[in-house]
Structure formats: C-alpha cells, structure tokens
Amino acid sequence: MTSMIRQTLAATAALATAFTGMQASAETLRVTTFLPPMHTFVQAIEAWGEEIGERSGGELELEVFPAAQLGPPPRQFDIVSSGGADIGIFLHGLTPGRFPMTELAGLPLTHPSEGDESAISSRRLTELAPDYLADEHRGTRILWLAATPPLKVHTADVDPTDLGALDGLRIRYAGSTWQSIIEAMGASPVPVPPAQSADAMGKGVVDGATFPFEATKAFDLGPVTQYSLEPGLASATFAVVMSDAAYDRLSPENRQIIDETTGPDRAAWFGAMWDEGEEEGRQYMEDAGVTFVEIDEAGLDQLRSAFQGIVDAALEPTGETGRAFLDAYTE
C-alpha cells in the first residue's frame, strides 16, 4: 500500500510539474490602444488574437487594453517601446512631426492609383514599410500599417455646400496635416481627443470634426451632426507595432506565427474590414438624419490648389527619400 501511495504521489507531482511547465510557456501579450472597444481596429486585433492563439496551441494570447487605459493617446507608441505594453495600435498624427515619412501617406487627396479604399492603401503602406518606415518606428517591429478611408468633414449645423461656409468654423482635428488642411479651407483647427469630439460638438465647443464614417459610429457623432462633406479629403495612418523585446522573448515557433499572420496580407485583410465598417458608418449617419454634401469637380480643383503648399511643406524635411516613398505609394 505504501508503495502504491508513493507511486501515486510521484505521478501527481509529475503531472503538476508538466502542467506548471505548460503554464510557464504560455505568453500573454499586452496590447495598448486609445481606441474604444467597439472600434473596428480593436475587434480586428481580438480576431487576430484568437487566430494566433489557435495556431500556437494556446501558447500565445492577447490582453487588450482599449480606451487609453495604459496611457494617453499621444503616448501609445512610447508605451510599447518602453516596455509598458508588448503591442500597440496608435495614430501617427497624434505626435506631429515624429513620423514625417509615414504621414506623407495622409497628405490631402493622396492615395494609391488603384483607389482610396483602405484595403488598397493599407497593403501598399505596409509593403513599403521595411524600405522606408522602419527607422521611424525604431525599437519596435511593424506588424502592419493601416490608412483609414479618407476622413470627411462633419458639421453640426453649417451647410458646407459652398466651401466658403467653412470659413471661420472651429473644426476638431488630429495631426499636423489635418491642422493645415483645415487652415487652408479657412476654418480654425481645434485639438480635441477623439472620445470627446461628440460632446464638444454637442456643446458648441467646436462646429465640426474630421473622421471617417466608421469612426463617427465608434465615437457616436450621429446625434450631433447635420452635414457630412464628401469625398473624404485625406486619410490618417495607424500602426500596429510590437516591441523588439517582446518579439525576441518568444520561442522561434511563436515568432514564426507572428511573422506569418502579419504583414501586407494582414493589412489588406484589416483594410477590408475598415472599408466594410465605413459603409456601415455611413449608413449609421444616414439613419441619424445627416445630410451628405458632395464636392463637385470645380470644388476639388479649388482644394487641390489650396493644398499644394501642404504637400510641398511635408516633402521638404523628408528630401529625396520622401519623394521616392510618395511616388512609390501613389503609383
């Protein structure tokens, strides 16, 4: 009997040791973003997390901290590069001047020749990242980049059919490019955090805001918006990055899973989700009673002339490399 008890205890200890080893090999990657839980990007990250969890046999999992739980929106990249999180989703425009090359993809009326859909622009941007954008994201690995569907101007009560009606309006913006766009249109740019935009419009702190339709749904702009101006004027660029330290601590097998599930194909996959969300967002605005105003060709020509100085100023600090990147992006 004593021998049987010893054997049982030994077997139990062996199972416990094996289980502990399995637990130790599991890797929970902390993901930070300022975006709200219902945003398409957060949903996409969670779907990707399920995929890598299945492929790794449960060894990889994501713990997502949305809505700036780990730090303010402008610090999302730094949170990752400093080790406060393993993966981050951030908007380049929230730190003006820090990612000048990447932000060229967000210049007004600029997109790949194939079209301005996010699936197209996000894939192209991610394809170009290793050659042109890695230095701007030093300390991290770019998992994929994304360009939003072009942002539209949404106003509370001013009809923008005549673009001159925007003169003097206070418009919420994010990023230096959109600051310049708003100024070129005669309006006054006002920095407002995305999650506070609806409240700011409702209280009259600002007269309008710039978002793609998908984000108007995420930030609930429908009740405070009367007009949306189409087409969108410029995209905003986002990055999904993983700290070098987090990547390096993974096993070779798990690093391979990360590599195989990110990159241009993932960017296009996500962009397609964003495009679908854009259609849903437009329907949300229509259901909210928003009136859509279309800029005619004469108006677009007027804007191209007004925006030329923005393009020239953005290219100046990036030199010949910036021009080569922009040419490659728009070809």
Protein backbone atom coordinates (compact mmCIF):
# COMPACT_ATOMS: atom_id res chain seq x y z
CA MET A 1 0.00 0.00 0.00
CA THR A 2 2.82 2.36 0.93
CA SER A 3 4.45 1.68 -2.43
CA MET A 4 1.20 2.45 -4.27
CA ILE A 5 0.81 5.72 -2.37
CA ARG A 6 4.36 6.70 -3.28
CA GLN A 7 3.74 5.89 -6.93
CA THR A 8 0.52 7.91 -6.91
CA LEU A 9 2.22 10.90 -5.29
CA ALA A 10 5.07 10.68 -7.77
CA ALA A 11 2.65 10.59 -10.70
CA THR A 12 0.71 13.54 -9.29
CA ALA A 13 3.91 15.53 -8.86
CA ALA A 14 4.95 14.74 -12.41
CA LEU A 15 1.60 15.94 -13.76
CA ALA A 16 1.82 19.09 -11.67
CA THR A 17 5.31 19.77 -12.96
CA ALA A 18 4.20 19.21 -16.54
CA PHE A 19 1.20 21.49 -16.06
CA THR A 20 3.37 24.18 -14.50
CA GLY A 21 5.73 23.91 -17.45
CA MET A 22 2.84 24.31 -19.85
CA GLN A 23 1.61 27.34 -17.95
CA ALA A 24 5.09 28.89 -17.94
CA SER A 25 5.37 28.51 -21.70
CA ALA A 26 2.16 30.46 -22.31
CA GLU A 27 2.77 34.07 -23.40
CA THR A 28 0.22 36.82 -22.76
CA LEU A 29 0.92 39.86 -24.91
CA ARG A 30 -0.44 43.15 -23.58
CA VAL A 31 -1.98 45.37 -26.26
CA THR A 32 -2.48 49.10 -25.73
CA THR A 33 -4.61 51.49 -27.78
CA PHE A 34 -6.58 54.69 -27.28
CA LEU A 35 -9.41 53.39 -29.48
CA PRO A 36 -12.73 52.38 -27.86
CA PRO A 37 -13.70 48.69 -27.52
CA MET A 38 -16.27 48.83 -30.33
CA HIS A 39 -13.82 50.28 -32.87
CA THR A 40 -13.09 48.10 -35.91
CA PHE A 41 -9.38 48.07 -35.08
CA VAL A 42 -9.96 46.65 -31.61
CA GLN A 43 -12.29 44.00 -33.00
CA ALA A 44 -9.69 43.11 -35.63
CA ILE A 45 -6.94 42.76 -33.03
CA GLU A 46 -9.14 40.47 -30.96
CA ALA A 47 -9.84 38.32 -34.05
CA TRP A 48 -6.10 38.16 -34.77
CA GLY A 49 -5.52 37.20 -31.14
CA GLU A 50 -7.89 34.26 -31.49
CA GLU A 51 -6.05 33.16 -34.64
CA ILE A 52 -2.58 33.20 -33.11
CA GLY A 53 -3.96 31.50 -30.02
CA GLU A 54 -5.27 28.62 -32.10
CA ARG A 55 -2.12 28.35 -34.20
CA SER A 56 0.09 28.31 -31.12
CA GLY A 57 -1.99 25.73 -29.27
CA GLY A 58 -2.82 28.30 -26.61
CA GLU A 59 0.76 29.45 -26.07
CA LEU A 60 0.03 32.95 -27.40
CA GLU A 61 -2.81 35.13 -26.21
CA LEU A 62 -3.60 38.83 -26.23
CA GLU A 63 -4.84 41.01 -23.39
CA VAL A 64 -6.25 44.19 -24.93
CA PHE A 65 -6.38 47.48 -23.02
CA PRO A 66 -8.57 49.84 -25.12
CA ALA A 67 -9.68 53.43 -24.48
CA ALA A 68 -6.22 54.63 -23.35
CA GLN A 69 -6.25 52.55 -20.17
CA LEU A 70 -2.46 52.29 -20.15
CA GLY A 71 -1.74 55.90 -21.06
CA PRO A 72 -2.89 58.93 -23.07
CA PRO A 73 -3.38 58.72 -26.86
CA PRO A 74 -0.14 60.54 -27.85
CA ARG A 75 1.96 58.12 -25.75
CA GLN A 76 0.79 54.82 -27.22
CA PHE A 77 3.97 54.22 -29.23
CA ASP A 78 6.19 55.11 -26.27
CA ILE A 79 4.26 52.74 -24.01
CA VAL A 80 5.29 49.89 -26.31
CA SER A 81 8.87 50.96 -27.00
CA SER A 82 9.49 51.45 -23.24
CA GLY A 83 8.05 48.05 -22.29
CA GLY A 84 4.77 49.20 -20.74
CA ALA A 85 2.94 47.04 -23.28
CA ASP A 86 4.02 44.46 -25.82
CA ILE A 87 1.90 45.60 -28.78
CA GLY A 88 0.36 48.96 -29.56
CA ILE A 89 -2.15 50.42 -32.02
CA PHE A 90 -1.55 54.12 -32.49
CA LEU A 91 -2.31 57.06 -34.73
CA HIS A 92 0.78 58.73 -36.19
CA GLY A 93 -0.93 62.10 -36.37
CA LEU A 94 -1.25 62.36 -32.59
CA THR A 95 2.51 63.05 -32.35
CA PRO A 96 3.06 65.69 -35.07
CA GLY A 97 6.49 65.70 -36.66
CA ARG A 98 7.60 62.39 -35.15
CA PHE A 99 6.69 60.21 -38.15
CA PRO A 100 7.13 62.61 -41.09
CA MET A 101 7.73 59.91 -43.70
CA THR A 102 4.74 57.77 -42.72
CA GLU A 103 2.45 60.79 -42.59
CA LEU A 104 3.12 61.51 -46.27
CA ALA A 105 0.52 58.80 -46.95
CA GLY A 106 -2.00 61.06 -45.24
CA LEU A 107 -1.48 64.12 -47.45
CA PRO A 108 -4.67 65.64 -48.86
CA LEU A 109 -6.22 63.91 -51.88
CA THR A 110 -3.33 61.40 -51.88
CA HIS A 111 -3.73 57.63 -52.30
CA PRO A 112 -2.51 54.70 -54.48
CA SER A 113 -3.56 54.90 -58.12
CA GLU A 114 -5.74 51.80 -57.65
CA GLY A 115 -8.07 53.67 -55.32
CA ASP A 116 -8.51 55.18 -51.87
CA GLU A 117 -10.06 52.11 -50.22
CA SER A 118 -8.34 51.14 -47.01
CA ALA A 119 -7.64 47.59 -48.24
CA ILE A 120 -5.57 49.03 -51.09
CA SER A 121 -3.79 51.81 -49.22
CA SER A 122 -3.08 49.74 -46.10
CA ARG A 123 -1.49 46.94 -48.10
CA ARG A 124 0.67 49.36 -50.10
CA LEU A 125 1.77 51.23 -46.99
CA THR A 126 2.78 48.00 -45.25
CA GLU A 127 4.64 46.75 -48.33
CA LEU A 128 6.76 49.90 -48.30
CA ALA A 129 7.41 49.90 -44.56
CA PRO A 130 10.65 47.83 -44.49
CA ASP A 131 12.40 50.08 -47.01
CA TYR A 132 11.10 53.47 -45.92
CA LEU A 133 9.44 53.49 -42.49
CA ALA A 134 11.31 51.15 -40.14
CA ASP A 135 13.62 53.88 -38.80
CA GLU A 136 10.66 55.97 -37.66
CA HIS A 137 9.41 53.02 -35.60
CA ARG A 138 12.76 52.13 -34.03
CA GLY A 139 12.62 49.76 -31.06
CA THR A 140 9.58 48.01 -32.47
CA ARG A 141 8.58 45.68 -35.28
CA ILE A 142 5.90 46.98 -37.62
CA LEU A 143 3.28 44.21 -37.70
CA TRP A 144 1.17 46.15 -40.17
CA LEU A 145 0.20 49.69 -41.10
CA ALA A 146 -3.23 50.97 -41.99
CA ALA A 147 -4.55 54.01 -43.79
CA THR A 148 -8.09 54.94 -42.92
CA PRO A 149 -10.76 55.52 -45.51
CA PRO A 150 -10.37 59.25 -46.21
CA LEU A 151 -11.65 61.46 -43.40
CA LYS A 152 -14.69 63.63 -44.04
CA VAL A 153 -15.61 66.98 -42.53
CA HIS A 154 -18.77 66.69 -40.39
CA THR A 155 -20.52 69.86 -39.23
CA ALA A 156 -23.08 70.46 -36.51
CA ASP A 157 -25.31 72.99 -38.24
CA VAL A 158 -23.48 74.70 -41.11
CA ASP A 159 -24.23 73.54 -44.68
CA PRO A 160 -20.84 73.20 -46.46
CA THR A 161 -22.27 73.02 -49.99
CA ASP A 162 -20.45 76.30 -50.56
CA LEU A 163 -16.97 75.59 -49.25
CA GLY A 164 -16.75 79.22 -48.24
CA ALA A 165 -19.26 78.44 -45.47
CA LEU A 166 -16.44 76.70 -43.61
CA ASP A 167 -14.62 80.00 -43.20
CA GLY A 168 -14.10 80.73 -39.52
CA LEU A 169 -15.64 77.48 -38.23
CA ARG A 170 -13.92 75.66 -35.38
CA ILE A 171 -13.13 72.13 -36.57
CA ARG A 172 -11.81 69.30 -34.44
CA TYR A 173 -8.65 67.75 -35.88
CA ALA A 174 -5.81 65.35 -35.07
CA GLY A 175 -2.34 65.71 -36.56
CA SER A 176 -0.40 68.49 -38.22
CA THR A 177 -1.58 67.57 -41.73
CA TRP A 178 -5.24 67.98 -40.83
CA GLN A 179 -4.42 71.17 -38.96
CA SER A 180 -3.01 72.54 -42.21
CA ILE A 181 -5.95 71.23 -44.26
CA ILE A 182 -8.46 72.96 -42.01
CA GLU A 183 -6.50 76.19 -42.10
CA ALA A 184 -6.27 76.02 -45.91
CA MET A 185 -10.07 75.77 -46.02
CA GLY A 186 -10.39 78.94 -43.94
CA ALA A 187 -11.51 77.24 -40.74
CA SER A 188 -9.87 77.15 -37.31
CA PRO A 189 -8.40 73.80 -36.15
CA VAL A 190 -9.14 72.82 -32.56
CA PRO A 191 -7.40 69.80 -30.94
CA VAL A 192 -9.98 67.59 -29.25
CA PRO A 193 -9.40 63.96 -28.14
CA PRO A 194 -11.43 61.57 -30.31
CA ALA A 195 -13.60 60.30 -27.46
CA GLN A 196 -14.57 63.89 -26.51
CA SER A 197 -15.50 65.02 -30.03
CA ALA A 198 -19.24 64.32 -29.86
CA ASP A 199 -19.53 66.15 -26.54
CA ALA A 200 -17.52 69.10 -27.91
CA MET A 201 -19.79 69.35 -30.97
CA GLY A 202 -22.93 68.99 -28.89
CA LYS A 203 -21.87 71.78 -26.53
CA GLY A 204 -20.73 74.09 -29.33
CA VAL A 205 -17.07 73.98 -28.32
CA VAL A 206 -16.38 73.08 -31.96
CA ASP A 207 -18.58 73.44 -35.05
CA GLY A 208 -17.44 70.23 -36.69
CA ALA A 209 -15.00 67.33 -36.67
CA THR A 210 -12.94 65.25 -39.09
CA PHE A 211 -13.42 61.47 -39.06
CA PRO A 212 -14.03 58.62 -41.49
CA PHE A 213 -17.62 57.41 -41.31
CA GLU A 214 -16.57 54.28 -39.44
CA ALA A 215 -15.21 56.37 -36.59
CA THR A 216 -18.34 58.55 -36.42
CA LYS A 217 -20.18 55.41 -35.35
CA ALA A 218 -17.48 54.41 -32.86
CA PHE A 219 -17.49 57.88 -31.29
CA ASP A 220 -21.27 58.41 -31.71
CA LEU A 221 -21.23 61.61 -33.77
CA GLY A 222 -24.58 60.95 -35.46
CA PRO A 223 -26.76 62.79 -32.91
CA VAL A 224 -24.68 65.99 -33.10
CA THR A 225 -24.02 66.09 -36.88
CA GLN A 226 -26.24 67.64 -39.56
CA TYR A 227 -23.92 67.60 -42.59
CA SER A 228 -21.09 65.40 -43.88
CA LEU A 229 -18.85 66.55 -46.73
CA GLU A 230 -17.86 64.02 -49.40
CA PRO A 231 -15.49 62.81 -50.71
CA GLY A 232 -13.03 62.41 -47.88
CA LEU A 233 -10.05 64.71 -48.13
CA ALA A 234 -7.17 62.81 -46.51
CA SER A 235 -6.50 59.56 -44.73
CA ALA A 236 -4.92 59.09 -41.35
CA THR A 237 -2.27 56.43 -40.80
CA PHE A 238 -2.17 53.92 -37.97
CA ALA A 239 0.43 51.36 -36.96
CA VAL A 240 0.33 48.06 -35.13
CA VAL A 241 3.78 47.60 -33.61
CA MET A 242 5.37 45.03 -31.30
CA SER A 243 8.33 45.86 -29.12
CA ASP A 244 11.59 44.22 -30.13
CA ALA A 245 11.94 42.92 -26.57
CA ALA A 246 8.54 41.21 -26.65
CA TYR A 247 9.24 39.64 -30.02
CA ASP A 248 12.70 38.45 -29.01
CA ARG A 249 11.44 36.66 -25.89
CA LEU A 250 9.09 34.46 -27.91
CA SER A 251 10.09 30.98 -28.98
CA PRO A 252 11.19 30.60 -32.61
CA GLU A 253 7.92 28.79 -33.35
CA ASN A 254 5.81 31.62 -31.92
CA ARG A 255 7.88 34.28 -33.67
CA GLN A 256 7.12 32.45 -36.90
CA ILE A 257 3.40 32.57 -36.11
CA ILE A 258 3.62 36.32 -35.58
CA ASP A 259 5.51 36.73 -38.85
CA GLU A 260 3.10 34.57 -40.84
CA THR A 261 -0.04 36.32 -39.57
CA THR A 262 1.10 39.92 -40.04
CA GLY A 263 2.46 42.00 -42.92
CA PRO A 264 0.80 43.20 -46.17
CA ASP A 265 -1.82 40.44 -46.35
CA ARG A 266 -2.97 41.22 -42.81
CA ALA A 267 -3.03 44.92 -43.64
CA ALA A 268 -5.28 44.26 -46.63
CA TRP A 269 -7.48 41.98 -44.51
CA PHE A 270 -7.85 44.69 -41.92
CA GLY A 271 -8.35 47.39 -44.54
CA ALA A 272 -11.25 45.39 -45.99
CA MET A 273 -12.80 45.33 -42.52
CA TRP A 274 -12.34 49.09 -42.31
CA ASP A 275 -13.96 49.56 -45.71
CA GLU A 276 -16.92 47.49 -44.59
CA GLY A 277 -17.08 49.49 -41.39
CA GLU A 278 -17.01 52.67 -43.47
CA GLU A 279 -20.16 51.59 -45.32
CA GLU A 280 -21.83 50.72 -42.03
CA GLY A 281 -20.75 54.05 -40.57
CA ARG A 282 -22.22 55.97 -43.48
CA GLN A 283 -25.49 54.11 -43.02
CA TYR A 284 -25.38 54.98 -39.33
CA MET A 285 -25.04 58.66 -40.22
CA GLU A 286 -27.85 58.40 -42.77
CA ASP A 287 -30.08 56.77 -40.18
CA ALA A 288 -29.23 59.64 -37.82
CA GLY A 289 -30.62 62.10 -40.39
CA VAL A 290 -27.31 63.51 -41.60
CA THR A 291 -27.31 65.28 -44.99
CA PHE A 292 -24.46 64.33 -47.34
CA VAL A 293 -22.90 67.12 -49.38
CA GLU A 294 -20.82 66.23 -52.46
CA ILE A 295 -17.87 68.41 -53.52
CA ASP A 296 -18.06 68.95 -57.28
CA GLU A 297 -15.03 68.80 -59.59
CA ALA A 298 -14.58 72.57 -59.54
CA GLY A 299 -14.51 72.45 -55.77
CA LEU A 300 -11.91 69.66 -55.81
CA ASP A 301 -9.72 71.66 -58.19
CA GLN A 302 -10.01 74.59 -55.82
CA LEU A 303 -8.93 72.40 -52.94
CA ARG A 304 -6.00 70.89 -54.83
CA SER A 305 -4.64 74.38 -55.39
CA ALA A 306 -5.21 75.31 -51.76
CA PHE A 307 -3.49 72.12 -50.55
CA GLN A 308 -0.38 72.29 -52.73
CA GLY A 309 1.53 74.22 -50.10
CA ILE A 310 0.76 71.45 -47.57
CA VAL A 311 2.25 68.84 -49.89
CA ASP A 312 5.37 70.91 -50.55
CA ALA A 313 5.91 71.62 -46.84
CA ALA A 314 5.52 67.94 -45.89
CA LEU A 315 8.01 66.80 -48.51
CA GLU A 316 10.69 69.34 -47.63
CA PRO A 317 12.04 67.69 -44.42
CA THR A 318 11.99 64.20 -45.93
CA GLY A 319 14.01 65.15 -49.01
CA GLU A 320 14.53 62.84 -51.95
CA THR A 321 13.66 59.78 -49.86
CA GLY A 322 10.27 61.25 -49.05
CA ARG A 323 9.58 61.96 -52.71
CA ALA A 324 10.61 58.40 -53.62
CA PHE A 325 8.31 56.99 -50.93
CA LEU A 326 5.36 59.14 -52.03
CA ASP A 327 5.91 58.21 -55.67
CA ALA A 328 6.01 54.52 -54.75
CA TYR A 329 2.89 54.85 -52.58
CA THR A 330 0.81 56.62 -55.23
CA GLU A 331 1.97 54.65 -58.30
